[in-house]
Amino acid sequence: MRHNKKINHLGRTSSHREAMLSNMATSLIKHKRIFTTTAKAKSLRKYVEPLITKSKEDTTHSRRTVFSYLQDKAAVTELFTVVSQKVGDRPGGYTRILKTGNRLGDNAALCFIELVDFNENMLKDKKSSTRTRRSRKKATATPAVAKIAAEAVAKIEDAEIVEEIKDAEVVETPVEEAPTAAAAPAAEEAKAE
């Protein structure tokens, strides 16, 4: 059982872990994307997203609260001016973690964590198609409905062909009779000669 194992200690003491997460959050706010290990990125996401939410309300109290976590005036100013303007209408999920493979030396899982609204390449793709967490029924028909529709179209086309055949003139052509079983050996002998 894994009771009380929600926090990944990352092999560090509490003070070291808080200092590391503070520095990583400052770097993420200043540079908008940082490369790190997957475990650190997941811990950083839980650390920085509440700070970004707090930055949506620009008050002295929220600035002081965020400063107590970041300990960097330039990062706090950047967060409350630039970042909060871009994420103002987003209801959470401000960061994205993209895995990049494993490190050569120790095979640690690497990734980069970035602020979602600052990656213009991903924004171009996402604006063309909106997605929700719960998938909706698409406008395209299911295979069973498509089969029924195809059969209906085929019946309509058959009916039109039948009407065209009825309207067409009937022309009789003579048909040659097939040779009977007795006549077949005689025909083969004639060919042999």
Protein backbone atom coordinates (compact mmCIF):
# COMPACT_ATOMS: atom_id res chain seq x y z
CA MET A 1 0.00 0.00 0.00
CA ARG A 2 1.21 3.49 -0.78
CA HIS A 3 -0.42 5.52 1.96
CA ASN A 4 1.06 9.00 2.52
CA LYS A 5 3.36 8.79 -0.51
CA LYS A 6 1.81 11.63 -2.49
CA ILE A 7 4.91 13.84 -2.32
CA ASN A 8 7.93 12.82 -4.36
CA HIS A 9 10.87 13.79 -2.16
CA LEU A 10 13.26 13.67 -5.15
CA GLY A 11 16.08 12.37 -2.94
CA ARG A 12 16.47 15.72 -1.18
CA THR A 13 15.79 17.27 2.19
CA SER A 14 12.75 19.49 2.56
CA SER A 15 14.72 22.75 2.45
CA HIS A 16 16.78 21.63 -0.55
CA ARG A 17 13.63 20.53 -2.38
CA GLU A 18 11.84 23.86 -1.72
CA ALA A 19 14.89 25.85 -2.90
CA MET A 20 15.20 23.72 -6.05
CA LEU A 21 11.50 24.05 -6.92
CA SER A 22 11.65 27.80 -6.30
CA ASN A 23 14.62 28.18 -8.66
CA MET A 24 13.00 25.98 -11.30
CA ALA A 25 9.73 27.94 -11.09
CA THR A 26 11.64 31.20 -11.48
CA SER A 27 13.44 29.83 -14.54
CA LEU A 28 10.17 28.57 -16.02
CA ILE A 29 8.51 31.96 -15.60
CA LYS A 30 11.47 33.84 -17.09
CA HIS A 31 12.28 31.50 -19.99
CA LYS A 32 8.81 29.95 -20.58
CA ARG A 33 10.38 26.49 -21.12
CA ILE A 34 12.97 24.47 -19.24
CA PHE A 35 14.50 21.02 -19.76
CA THR A 36 14.61 18.70 -16.76
CA THR A 37 13.80 15.18 -15.62
CA THR A 38 10.22 13.96 -15.69
CA ALA A 39 10.00 13.53 -11.90
CA LYS A 40 11.16 17.10 -11.28
CA ALA A 41 8.81 18.45 -13.94
CA LYS A 42 5.81 16.75 -12.34
CA SER A 43 6.75 18.18 -8.94
CA LEU A 44 7.32 21.61 -10.48
CA ARG A 45 3.90 21.54 -12.12
CA LYS A 46 2.23 21.09 -8.71
CA TYR A 47 4.40 23.89 -7.35
CA VAL A 48 4.01 26.54 -10.07
CA GLU A 49 0.38 26.19 -11.20
CA PRO A 50 -1.10 27.53 -7.94
CA LEU A 51 1.27 30.49 -8.23
CA ILE A 52 0.02 31.23 -11.75
CA THR A 53 -3.56 31.03 -10.51
CA LYS A 54 -2.69 33.44 -7.71
CA SER A 55 -1.21 35.86 -10.27
CA LYS A 56 -4.57 36.32 -12.00
CA GLU A 57 -5.61 38.63 -9.14
CA ASP A 58 -3.07 41.45 -9.04
CA THR A 59 -3.16 42.59 -5.43
CA THR A 60 -0.42 43.39 -2.96
CA HIS A 61 -1.32 40.33 -0.90
CA SER A 62 -1.10 37.94 -3.85
CA ARG A 63 2.21 39.49 -4.97
CA ARG A 64 3.67 39.03 -1.49
CA THR A 65 2.40 35.46 -1.31
CA VAL A 66 3.98 34.58 -4.66
CA PHE A 67 7.21 36.36 -3.67
CA SER A 68 7.43 34.18 -0.55
CA TYR A 69 7.61 31.16 -2.86
CA LEU A 70 9.81 32.53 -5.66
CA GLN A 71 12.18 34.93 -3.84
CA ASP A 72 12.84 36.82 -7.10
CA LYS A 73 11.37 40.25 -7.84
CA ALA A 74 11.96 40.03 -11.58
CA ALA A 75 10.13 36.69 -11.80
CA VAL A 76 7.20 38.04 -9.77
CA THR A 77 6.94 41.10 -12.02
CA GLU A 78 7.10 38.91 -15.14
CA LEU A 79 4.45 36.59 -13.70
CA PHE A 80 1.99 39.34 -12.80
CA THR A 81 2.44 41.39 -15.99
CA VAL A 82 3.16 39.08 -18.93
CA VAL A 83 2.12 35.57 -17.89
CA SER A 84 -1.11 36.50 -16.10
CA GLN A 85 -2.30 38.46 -19.16
CA LYS A 86 -1.89 35.43 -21.42
CA VAL A 87 -3.51 32.91 -19.06
CA GLY A 88 -6.30 35.19 -17.87
CA ASP A 89 -9.12 33.18 -19.43
CA ARG A 90 -7.62 29.70 -18.97
CA PRO A 91 -9.19 27.73 -16.07
CA GLY A 92 -6.05 25.84 -15.08
CA GLY A 93 -3.59 23.59 -16.90
CA TYR A 94 -1.02 26.31 -17.51
CA THR A 95 1.92 23.97 -18.11
CA ARG A 96 2.66 21.17 -20.58
CA ILE A 97 5.14 18.34 -20.09
CA LEU A 98 6.59 16.77 -23.25
CA LYS A 99 8.87 13.76 -22.82
CA THR A 100 12.07 13.77 -24.85
CA GLY A 101 13.62 10.38 -24.11
CA ASN A 102 16.25 9.15 -21.70
CA ARG A 103 19.57 10.66 -20.66
CA LEU A 104 22.64 8.86 -21.95
CA GLY A 105 24.58 8.75 -18.68
CA ASP A 106 22.08 7.41 -16.17
CA ASN A 107 19.05 6.66 -18.39
CA ALA A 108 16.90 9.17 -16.50
CA ALA A 109 13.63 10.09 -18.20
CA LEU A 110 14.00 13.61 -19.62
CA CYS A 111 11.35 16.09 -20.70
CA PHE A 112 10.70 19.76 -21.04
CA ILE A 113 8.03 21.67 -19.22
CA GLU A 114 6.64 24.80 -20.81
CA LEU A 115 3.92 27.37 -20.32
CA VAL A 116 1.07 26.40 -22.64
CA ASP A 117 0.13 29.86 -23.93
CA PHE A 118 3.68 30.78 -24.98
CA ASN A 119 4.27 28.05 -27.58
CA GLU A 120 3.07 29.62 -30.84
CA ASN A 121 3.57 26.43 -32.86
CA MET A 122 1.15 24.46 -30.67
CA LEU A 123 -1.31 27.36 -30.51
CA LYS A 124 -1.63 27.45 -34.31
CA ASP A 125 -2.59 23.77 -34.42
CA LYS A 126 -5.01 23.96 -31.50
CA LYS A 127 -6.95 26.98 -32.72
CA SER A 128 -8.03 25.15 -35.86
CA SER A 129 -9.70 22.36 -33.91
CA THR A 130 -11.19 22.68 -30.45
CA ARG A 131 -11.18 19.63 -28.22
CA THR A 132 -12.82 18.83 -24.95
CA ARG A 133 -11.94 16.26 -22.37
CA ARG A 134 -15.16 14.37 -23.05
CA SER A 135 -15.47 13.32 -26.63
CA ARG A 136 -18.65 14.18 -28.42
CA LYS A 137 -20.40 12.12 -31.06
CA LYS A 138 -19.00 13.14 -34.40
CA ALA A 139 -21.19 14.20 -37.28
CA THR A 140 -20.00 11.25 -39.34
CA ALA A 141 -22.24 8.22 -39.34
CA THR A 142 -21.40 4.98 -37.59
CA PRO A 143 -20.59 1.98 -39.80
CA ALA A 144 -24.08 0.50 -39.34
CA VAL A 145 -25.81 3.74 -40.30
CA ALA A 146 -23.44 4.23 -43.22
CA LYS A 147 -24.26 0.70 -44.46
CA ILE A 148 -28.01 1.38 -44.29
CA ALA A 149 -27.55 4.69 -46.12
CA ALA A 150 -25.46 2.99 -48.83
CA GLU A 151 -28.16 0.33 -49.29
CA ALA A 152 -30.83 3.03 -49.62
CA VAL A 153 -28.76 4.89 -52.21
CA ALA A 154 -28.22 1.61 -54.11
CA LYS A 155 -31.98 0.92 -54.12
CA ILE A 156 -32.69 4.40 -55.46
CA GLU A 157 -30.06 3.96 -58.19
CA ASP A 158 -31.49 0.50 -59.05
CA ALA A 159 -34.97 2.00 -59.31
CA GLU A 160 -33.68 4.70 -61.67
CA ILE A 161 -31.91 2.07 -63.81
CA VAL A 162 -35.09 -0.03 -63.94
CA GLU A 163 -37.05 3.01 -65.14
CA GLU A 164 -34.42 3.68 -67.81
CA ILE A 165 -34.65 0.06 -68.95
CA LYS A 166 -38.44 0.27 -69.18
CA ASP A 167 -38.16 3.41 -71.28
CA ALA A 168 -35.54 1.91 -73.61
CA GLU A 169 -36.56 0.31 -76.91
CA VAL A 170 -36.42 -3.45 -77.13
CA VAL A 171 -34.39 -4.76 -80.06
CA GLU A 172 -34.46 -8.50 -80.78
CA THR A 173 -31.26 -10.10 -81.98
CA PRO A 174 -30.99 -13.69 -83.21
CA VAL A 175 -29.24 -16.04 -80.82
CA GLU A 176 -27.24 -19.02 -82.03
CA GLU A 177 -28.10 -22.29 -80.43
CA ALA A 178 -25.45 -24.08 -78.43
CA PRO A 179 -24.27 -27.40 -79.87
CA THR A 180 -25.80 -30.49 -78.25
CA ALA A 181 -23.78 -33.29 -76.70
CA ALA A 182 -24.08 -35.49 -79.83
CA ALA A 183 -23.00 -32.69 -82.15
CA ALA A 184 -19.92 -31.81 -80.06
CA PRO A 185 -17.75 -34.85 -81.12
CA ALA A 186 -18.61 -34.27 -84.78
CA ALA A 187 -17.48 -30.64 -84.51
CA GLU A 188 -14.18 -31.71 -82.92
CA GLU A 189 -13.55 -34.20 -85.76
CA ALA A 190 -14.19 -31.49 -88.32
CA LYS A 191 -11.66 -29.25 -86.60
CA ALA A 192 -9.08 -32.06 -86.50
CA GLU A 193 -9.24 -32.54 -90.30
